[in-house]
N, C-alpha and C. Protein backbone atom coordinates (compact mmCIF):
# COMPACT_ATOMS: atom_id res chain seq x y z
N MET A 1 106.52 113.83 113.94
CA MET A 1 106.83 113.56 112.68
C MET A 1 106.41 112.14 112.30
N THR A 2 105.77 111.90 111.15
CA THR A 2 105.22 110.61 110.73
C THR A 2 106.41 109.86 110.07
N THR A 3 106.43 108.53 110.55
CA THR A 3 107.38 107.64 109.81
C THR A 3 106.55 106.49 109.26
N ILE A 4 107.04 106.03 108.02
CA ILE A 4 106.26 104.92 107.41
C ILE A 4 107.15 103.94 106.99
N ALA A 5 106.68 102.73 107.25
CA ALA A 5 107.52 101.51 107.04
C ALA A 5 106.66 100.27 106.54
N PRO A 6 107.28 99.43 105.80
CA PRO A 6 106.65 98.17 105.33
C PRO A 6 105.86 97.48 106.49
N LEU A 7 104.82 97.00 106.28
CA LEU A 7 104.14 96.15 107.27
C LEU A 7 104.88 94.86 107.66
N THR A 8 104.96 94.54 108.92
CA THR A 8 105.69 93.20 109.28
C THR A 8 104.65 92.49 110.13
N ALA A 9 104.92 91.29 110.37
CA ALA A 9 103.98 90.38 111.19
C ALA A 9 103.82 91.03 112.70
N ALA A 10 104.89 91.69 113.19
CA ALA A 10 104.69 92.32 114.49
C ALA A 10 103.61 93.47 114.44
N ASP A 11 103.32 93.95 113.29
CA ASP A 11 102.44 95.13 113.13
C ASP A 11 100.94 94.66 113.29
N GLN A 12 100.64 93.34 113.28
CA GLN A 12 99.33 92.84 113.08
C GLN A 12 98.31 93.35 114.05
N PRO A 13 98.40 93.51 115.39
CA PRO A 13 97.49 94.12 116.12
C PRO A 13 97.08 95.55 115.83
N GLU A 14 98.19 96.29 115.63
CA GLU A 14 97.78 97.71 115.34
C GLU A 14 97.18 97.86 114.07
N TRP A 15 97.72 96.98 112.96
CA TRP A 15 97.04 97.13 111.61
C TRP A 15 95.66 96.65 111.76
N LEU A 16 95.40 95.62 112.49
CA LEU A 16 94.00 95.15 112.65
C LEU A 16 93.08 96.21 113.13
N ALA A 17 93.56 97.00 114.07
CA ALA A 17 92.62 98.11 114.70
C ALA A 17 92.32 99.19 113.64
N LEU A 18 93.38 99.50 112.82
CA LEU A 18 93.19 100.48 111.66
C LEU A 18 92.29 99.94 110.61
N TRP A 19 92.58 98.61 110.26
CA TRP A 19 91.86 97.93 109.21
C TRP A 19 90.34 97.96 109.58
N ARG A 20 90.11 97.57 110.83
CA ARG A 20 88.65 97.60 111.25
C ARG A 20 87.98 98.94 111.25
N GLY A 21 88.88 99.97 111.49
CA GLY A 21 88.39 101.35 111.39
C GLY A 21 88.08 101.73 109.96
N TYR A 22 88.95 101.24 109.13
CA TYR A 22 88.67 101.49 107.59
C TYR A 22 87.32 100.82 107.13
N LEU A 23 87.19 99.56 107.55
CA LEU A 23 85.93 98.87 107.16
C LEU A 23 84.78 99.45 107.65
N ALA A 24 84.82 99.98 108.96
CA ALA A 24 83.69 100.71 109.56
C ALA A 24 83.40 101.93 108.86
N PHE A 25 84.44 102.76 108.38
CA PHE A 25 84.22 103.98 107.64
C PHE A 25 83.40 103.67 106.43
N TYR A 26 83.64 102.51 105.72
CA TYR A 26 83.08 102.15 104.54
C TYR A 26 81.80 101.33 104.86
N GLU A 27 81.30 101.17 106.10
CA GLU A 27 80.19 100.41 106.61
C GLU A 27 80.26 99.02 105.90
N THR A 28 81.37 98.38 106.05
CA THR A 28 81.56 97.05 105.42
C THR A 28 82.04 96.07 106.49
N ASP A 29 81.49 94.76 106.48
CA ASP A 29 81.93 93.80 107.32
C ASP A 29 82.51 92.60 106.43
N LEU A 30 83.73 92.24 106.81
CA LEU A 30 84.38 91.06 106.05
C LEU A 30 84.51 89.90 106.98
N ASP A 31 84.41 88.82 106.51
CA ASP A 31 84.72 87.51 107.18
C ASP A 31 86.04 87.58 107.77
N GLU A 32 86.26 87.11 109.07
CA GLU A 32 87.58 87.13 109.64
C GLU A 32 88.62 86.39 108.85
N THR A 33 88.17 85.44 108.01
CA THR A 33 89.16 84.61 107.18
C THR A 33 89.71 85.57 106.03
N ILE A 34 88.93 86.45 105.52
CA ILE A 34 89.39 87.31 104.59
C ILE A 34 90.46 88.30 105.14
N THR A 35 90.09 88.90 106.44
CA THR A 35 91.02 89.88 106.98
C THR A 35 92.31 89.13 107.39
N ALA A 36 92.21 87.83 107.91
CA ALA A 36 93.52 87.23 108.15
C ALA A 36 94.34 86.88 106.85
N SER A 37 93.58 86.52 105.83
CA SER A 37 94.23 86.21 104.59
C SER A 37 94.94 87.57 103.98
N THR A 38 94.11 88.59 104.06
CA THR A 38 94.76 89.93 103.61
C THR A 38 96.05 90.26 104.35
N PHE A 39 96.00 90.18 105.57
CA PHE A 39 97.28 90.52 106.43
C PHE A 39 98.38 89.62 106.08
N GLU A 40 98.07 88.28 105.98
CA GLU A 40 99.11 87.34 105.49
C GLU A 40 99.72 87.63 104.10
N ARG A 41 98.95 88.05 103.24
CA ARG A 41 99.46 88.36 101.97
C ARG A 41 100.35 89.70 101.95
N LEU A 42 99.79 90.71 102.92
CA LEU A 42 100.45 91.95 102.97
C LEU A 42 101.89 91.81 103.48
N VAL A 43 102.12 90.73 104.36
CA VAL A 43 103.55 90.63 105.01
C VAL A 43 104.29 89.54 104.31
N ASP A 44 103.75 88.72 103.24
CA ASP A 44 104.42 87.79 102.38
C ASP A 44 105.04 88.49 101.23
N PRO A 45 106.35 88.40 101.10
CA PRO A 45 107.02 89.08 99.98
C PRO A 45 106.55 88.59 98.67
N ASP A 46 105.87 87.35 98.54
CA ASP A 46 105.28 86.96 97.38
C ASP A 46 103.87 86.92 97.36
N GLY A 47 103.26 87.78 98.32
CA GLY A 47 101.68 87.81 98.50
C GLY A 47 101.05 88.52 97.41
N GLY A 48 101.75 89.33 96.66
CA GLY A 48 101.06 90.02 95.52
C GLY A 48 100.50 91.42 95.89
N ILE A 49 100.52 91.75 97.14
CA ILE A 49 100.07 93.04 97.62
C ILE A 49 101.13 93.60 98.60
N GLN A 50 101.18 94.99 98.60
CA GLN A 50 102.08 95.62 99.50
C GLN A 50 101.36 96.36 100.59
N GLY A 51 101.97 96.66 101.70
CA GLY A 51 101.28 97.36 102.68
C GLY A 51 102.45 98.13 103.52
N ALA A 52 102.05 99.21 104.07
CA ALA A 52 102.83 100.17 104.97
C ALA A 52 102.02 100.66 106.04
N ILE A 53 102.64 100.94 107.14
CA ILE A 53 102.03 101.52 108.34
C ILE A 53 102.71 102.81 108.74
N ALA A 54 101.90 103.79 109.11
CA ALA A 54 102.34 105.13 109.58
C ALA A 54 102.26 105.20 111.02
N ARG A 55 103.43 105.77 111.58
CA ARG A 55 103.48 105.98 113.02
C ARG A 55 103.78 107.38 113.34
N ASP A 56 103.18 107.86 114.51
CA ASP A 56 103.53 109.19 115.02
C ASP A 56 104.81 109.26 115.73
N GLU A 57 105.20 110.39 116.20
CA GLU A 57 106.49 110.57 116.88
C GLU A 57 106.59 109.80 118.25
N THR A 58 105.38 109.18 118.71
CA THR A 58 105.49 108.33 119.91
C THR A 58 105.50 106.88 119.46
N GLY A 59 105.45 106.50 118.32
CA GLY A 59 105.34 105.13 117.77
C GLY A 59 104.05 104.56 117.61
N THR A 60 102.97 105.39 117.89
CA THR A 60 101.67 104.95 117.75
C THR A 60 101.27 104.84 116.27
N ALA A 61 100.62 103.67 115.87
CA ALA A 61 100.15 103.43 114.45
C ALA A 61 98.92 104.39 114.18
N VAL A 62 99.18 105.14 113.16
CA VAL A 62 98.05 106.25 112.87
C VAL A 62 97.52 106.01 111.35
N GLY A 63 98.09 105.18 110.65
CA GLY A 63 97.53 105.00 109.28
C GLY A 63 98.11 103.87 108.64
N ILE A 64 97.33 103.36 107.65
CA ILE A 64 97.75 102.15 106.81
C ILE A 64 97.48 102.52 105.41
N VAL A 65 98.30 101.83 104.47
CA VAL A 65 98.08 101.90 103.04
C VAL A 65 98.32 100.56 102.38
N HIS A 66 97.53 100.05 101.39
CA HIS A 66 97.88 98.88 100.60
C HIS A 66 97.82 99.12 99.21
N TRP A 67 98.66 98.44 98.55
CA TRP A 67 98.67 98.69 97.03
C TRP A 67 99.13 97.42 96.26
N LEU A 68 98.94 97.42 95.05
CA LEU A 68 99.40 96.33 94.12
C LEU A 68 99.67 96.88 92.78
N THR A 69 100.42 96.07 92.00
CA THR A 69 100.58 96.49 90.59
C THR A 69 99.95 95.42 89.70
N HIS A 70 99.81 95.94 88.44
CA HIS A 70 99.07 95.13 87.47
C HIS A 70 99.57 95.44 86.07
N ALA A 71 99.57 94.48 85.17
CA ALA A 71 100.01 94.81 83.83
C ALA A 71 98.90 95.64 83.23
N ALA A 72 99.14 96.51 82.16
CA ALA A 72 98.36 97.33 81.44
C ALA A 72 98.57 97.24 80.03
N THR A 73 97.51 97.64 79.26
CA THR A 73 97.55 97.67 77.86
C THR A 73 97.97 98.87 77.25
N TRP A 74 97.96 100.03 78.03
CA TRP A 74 98.41 101.41 77.60
C TRP A 74 99.85 101.81 77.83
N THR A 75 100.54 100.82 78.33
CA THR A 75 102.04 101.11 78.71
C THR A 75 102.76 99.82 78.71
N THR A 76 104.00 99.87 78.60
CA THR A 76 104.80 98.60 78.63
C THR A 76 105.26 98.26 80.02
N THR A 77 104.90 99.09 81.06
CA THR A 77 105.11 98.74 82.41
C THR A 77 103.88 98.56 83.14
N ASP A 78 103.87 98.40 84.46
CA ASP A 78 102.69 98.13 85.26
C ASP A 78 102.01 99.59 85.74
N TYR A 79 100.78 99.44 86.10
CA TYR A 79 100.16 100.46 86.88
C TYR A 79 100.15 100.06 88.31
N CYS A 80 100.10 101.05 89.22
CA CYS A 80 100.08 100.74 90.63
C CYS A 80 98.74 101.21 91.27
N TYR A 81 98.03 100.27 91.66
CA TYR A 81 96.70 100.56 92.26
C TYR A 81 96.77 100.66 93.75
N LEU A 82 96.46 101.94 94.27
CA LEU A 82 96.48 102.19 95.67
C LEU A 82 95.00 101.71 96.16
N GLU A 83 94.91 100.58 96.77
CA GLU A 83 93.61 99.99 97.06
C GLU A 83 92.93 100.54 98.45
N ASP A 84 93.77 100.62 99.42
CA ASP A 84 93.21 100.95 100.72
C ASP A 84 94.09 102.06 101.34
N LEU A 85 93.45 103.01 101.82
CA LEU A 85 94.08 104.16 102.70
C LEU A 85 93.28 104.52 103.82
N PHE A 86 93.92 104.48 104.99
CA PHE A 86 93.10 104.78 106.22
C PHE A 86 94.02 105.50 107.17
N VAL A 87 93.50 106.69 107.63
CA VAL A 87 94.15 107.56 108.71
C VAL A 87 93.27 107.52 109.93
N ALA A 88 93.89 107.37 110.98
CA ALA A 88 93.01 107.41 112.26
C ALA A 88 92.36 108.71 112.42
N PRO A 89 91.09 108.73 112.87
CA PRO A 89 90.29 110.00 112.80
C PRO A 89 90.97 111.09 113.59
N GLY A 90 91.63 110.85 114.70
CA GLY A 90 92.13 111.81 115.64
C GLY A 90 93.36 112.55 114.89
N VAL A 91 93.94 112.03 114.00
CA VAL A 91 95.06 112.73 113.30
C VAL A 91 94.97 113.18 111.83
N ARG A 92 93.67 113.07 111.37
CA ARG A 92 93.35 113.46 109.99
C ARG A 92 93.59 114.97 109.75
N GLY A 93 94.06 115.33 108.60
CA GLY A 93 94.39 116.70 108.31
C GLY A 93 95.91 117.08 108.81
N GLY A 94 96.64 116.08 109.36
CA GLY A 94 97.92 116.35 109.88
C GLY A 94 98.99 116.01 108.89
N GLY A 95 98.80 115.48 107.73
CA GLY A 95 99.78 115.06 106.73
C GLY A 95 99.99 113.66 106.61
N VAL A 96 99.37 112.91 107.41
CA VAL A 96 99.57 111.34 107.46
C VAL A 96 99.15 110.84 106.05
N GLY A 97 97.89 111.19 105.56
CA GLY A 97 97.46 110.62 104.31
C GLY A 97 98.28 111.06 103.24
N ARG A 98 98.69 112.32 103.22
CA ARG A 98 99.71 112.81 102.13
C ARG A 98 100.89 111.97 102.16
N ALA A 99 101.58 111.71 103.46
CA ALA A 99 102.76 110.93 103.49
C ALA A 99 102.59 109.58 103.03
N LEU A 100 101.38 108.91 103.25
CA LEU A 100 101.08 107.52 102.76
C LEU A 100 101.02 107.52 101.29
N ILE A 101 100.34 108.48 100.65
CA ILE A 101 100.34 108.52 99.20
C ILE A 101 101.70 108.79 98.71
N ALA A 102 102.51 109.57 99.23
CA ALA A 102 103.80 109.87 98.76
C ALA A 102 104.72 108.55 98.79
N HIS A 103 104.48 107.80 99.95
CA HIS A 103 105.20 106.52 100.15
C HIS A 103 104.88 105.61 99.01
N VAL A 104 103.61 105.40 98.60
CA VAL A 104 103.22 104.56 97.52
C VAL A 104 103.82 105.18 96.19
N ARG A 105 103.76 106.43 95.97
CA ARG A 105 104.27 106.99 94.76
C ARG A 105 105.78 106.75 94.61
N ALA A 106 106.50 106.90 95.72
CA ALA A 106 107.95 106.60 95.62
C ALA A 106 108.28 105.14 95.30
N TRP A 107 107.39 104.25 95.99
CA TRP A 107 107.53 102.86 95.66
C TRP A 107 107.37 102.51 94.19
N ALA A 108 106.18 103.09 93.70
CA ALA A 108 105.87 102.80 92.27
C ALA A 108 106.82 103.35 91.28
N GLU A 109 107.45 104.54 91.71
CA GLU A 109 108.46 105.11 90.74
C GLU A 109 109.61 104.16 90.82
N GLN A 110 110.02 103.72 91.94
CA GLN A 110 111.31 102.79 91.99
C GLN A 110 111.08 101.59 91.35
N HIS A 111 109.78 101.07 91.27
CA HIS A 111 109.45 99.86 90.69
C HIS A 111 109.00 99.97 89.18
N GLY A 112 109.15 101.14 88.64
CA GLY A 112 108.94 101.42 87.31
C GLY A 112 107.41 101.39 86.80
N SER A 113 106.63 101.70 87.71
CA SER A 113 105.06 101.83 87.32
C SER A 113 104.97 103.15 86.59
N ALA A 114 103.86 103.04 85.57
CA ALA A 114 103.58 104.22 84.74
C ALA A 114 102.68 105.16 85.55
N LYS A 115 101.95 104.87 86.53
CA LYS A 115 101.16 105.66 87.18
C LYS A 115 100.66 105.04 88.52
N VAL A 116 100.17 105.81 89.38
CA VAL A 116 99.36 105.47 90.68
C VAL A 116 98.03 105.92 90.50
N TYR A 117 97.05 104.99 90.78
CA TYR A 117 95.69 105.44 90.72
C TYR A 117 94.85 104.82 91.96
N TRP A 118 93.76 105.36 92.27
CA TRP A 118 92.95 104.90 93.17
C TRP A 118 91.47 105.38 93.05
N LEU A 119 90.61 104.71 93.88
CA LEU A 119 89.20 105.15 93.87
C LEU A 119 88.75 105.52 95.24
N THR A 120 87.74 106.35 95.38
CA THR A 120 87.21 106.65 96.58
C THR A 120 85.67 106.92 96.46
N ALA A 121 84.99 106.93 97.61
CA ALA A 121 83.50 107.25 97.57
C ALA A 121 83.39 108.58 97.23
N GLU A 122 82.30 108.98 96.48
CA GLU A 122 81.96 110.36 96.16
C GLU A 122 81.69 111.15 97.48
N SER A 123 81.23 110.48 98.46
CA SER A 123 80.82 111.16 99.77
C SER A 123 82.07 111.32 100.69
N ASN A 124 83.30 110.79 100.33
CA ASN A 124 84.34 110.99 101.04
C ASN A 124 85.09 112.41 100.79
N THR A 125 84.44 113.42 101.19
CA THR A 125 84.74 114.71 100.76
C THR A 125 86.02 115.13 101.49
N THR A 126 86.34 114.72 102.66
CA THR A 126 87.56 115.26 103.48
C THR A 126 88.75 114.53 102.73
N ALA A 127 88.73 113.36 102.41
CA ALA A 127 89.87 112.75 101.62
C ALA A 127 89.94 113.24 100.20
N ARG A 128 88.83 113.47 99.55
CA ARG A 128 88.81 114.10 98.23
C ARG A 128 89.49 115.44 98.25
N GLY A 129 89.40 116.22 99.29
CA GLY A 129 90.16 117.51 99.33
C GLY A 129 91.58 117.19 99.19
N LEU A 130 92.13 116.22 99.89
CA LEU A 130 93.59 115.96 99.86
C LEU A 130 93.85 115.36 98.37
N TYR A 131 93.07 114.38 97.90
CA TYR A 131 93.30 113.79 96.59
C TYR A 131 93.34 114.88 95.50
N ASP A 132 92.55 115.91 95.62
CA ASP A 132 92.52 116.90 94.57
C ASP A 132 93.71 117.80 94.53
N ARG A 133 94.45 117.77 95.73
CA ARG A 133 95.67 118.47 95.74
C ARG A 133 96.92 117.66 95.34
N VAL A 134 96.88 116.31 95.49
CA VAL A 134 98.07 115.57 95.18
C VAL A 134 97.92 114.73 93.89
N ALA A 135 96.84 114.77 93.28
CA ALA A 135 96.57 113.97 92.08
C ALA A 135 95.54 114.72 91.12
N SER A 136 95.50 114.17 89.93
CA SER A 136 94.43 114.75 89.12
C SER A 136 93.32 113.72 88.85
N ARG A 137 92.07 114.18 88.72
CA ARG A 137 90.97 113.29 88.53
C ARG A 137 91.01 112.91 87.09
N SER A 138 90.63 111.59 86.90
CA SER A 138 90.84 111.04 85.56
C SER A 138 89.54 111.17 84.66
N GLY A 139 88.51 111.55 85.30
CA GLY A 139 87.24 111.90 84.61
C GLY A 139 86.56 110.46 84.26
N MET A 140 87.06 109.37 84.60
CA MET A 140 86.45 108.04 84.45
C MET A 140 85.47 107.72 85.49
N ILE A 141 84.36 107.00 85.13
CA ILE A 141 83.38 106.57 86.03
C ILE A 141 83.59 105.06 86.30
N HIS A 142 83.55 104.73 87.59
CA HIS A 142 83.84 103.29 87.94
C HIS A 142 82.50 102.47 87.91
N TYR A 143 82.60 101.29 87.21
CA TYR A 143 81.52 100.30 87.19
C TYR A 143 82.20 99.00 87.62
N GLN A 144 81.09 98.15 88.22
CA GLN A 144 81.62 96.85 88.70
C GLN A 144 80.59 95.77 88.55
N ILE A 145 80.86 94.51 88.43
CA ILE A 145 79.98 93.48 88.49
C ILE A 145 80.39 92.53 89.50
N ASP A 146 79.72 92.48 90.69
CA ASP A 146 80.11 91.57 91.80
C ASP A 146 79.78 90.22 91.48
N LEU A 147 80.80 89.17 91.63
CA LEU A 147 80.68 87.93 91.27
C LEU A 147 80.52 86.94 92.46
N ALA A 148 80.76 87.47 93.65
CA ALA A 148 80.65 86.64 94.76
C ALA A 148 79.27 86.59 95.50
């Protein structure tokens, strides 16, 4: 059975291993100062981003999720953006991703968000299979301008 709990400072080593797996999946390298800052904000109650860790029945960390809320012009409440979701390769397809999404959804409902949304790579077909079962596609196309 999967359990999900908010990230704490004690989770840092296991979070880091999963975070590195997530970055590797997206073929991305981040400076260690960004990784350290991200974790500090995740465990800081005033850090502006939320995080949770999933553990299997033995207590092994098997997944992470990060999210944040922001004001929106089409509602009087916030939107919840699920920014990062990663499940260890050896347990994919076992419900961990679905549980992490459900965790964020429950949190967003409790905090009055109007919706939860996220992005993924077009090539992420395995995850998209899950996403198509738990959410509806918006039909929007994502554009960005890198400023850094």
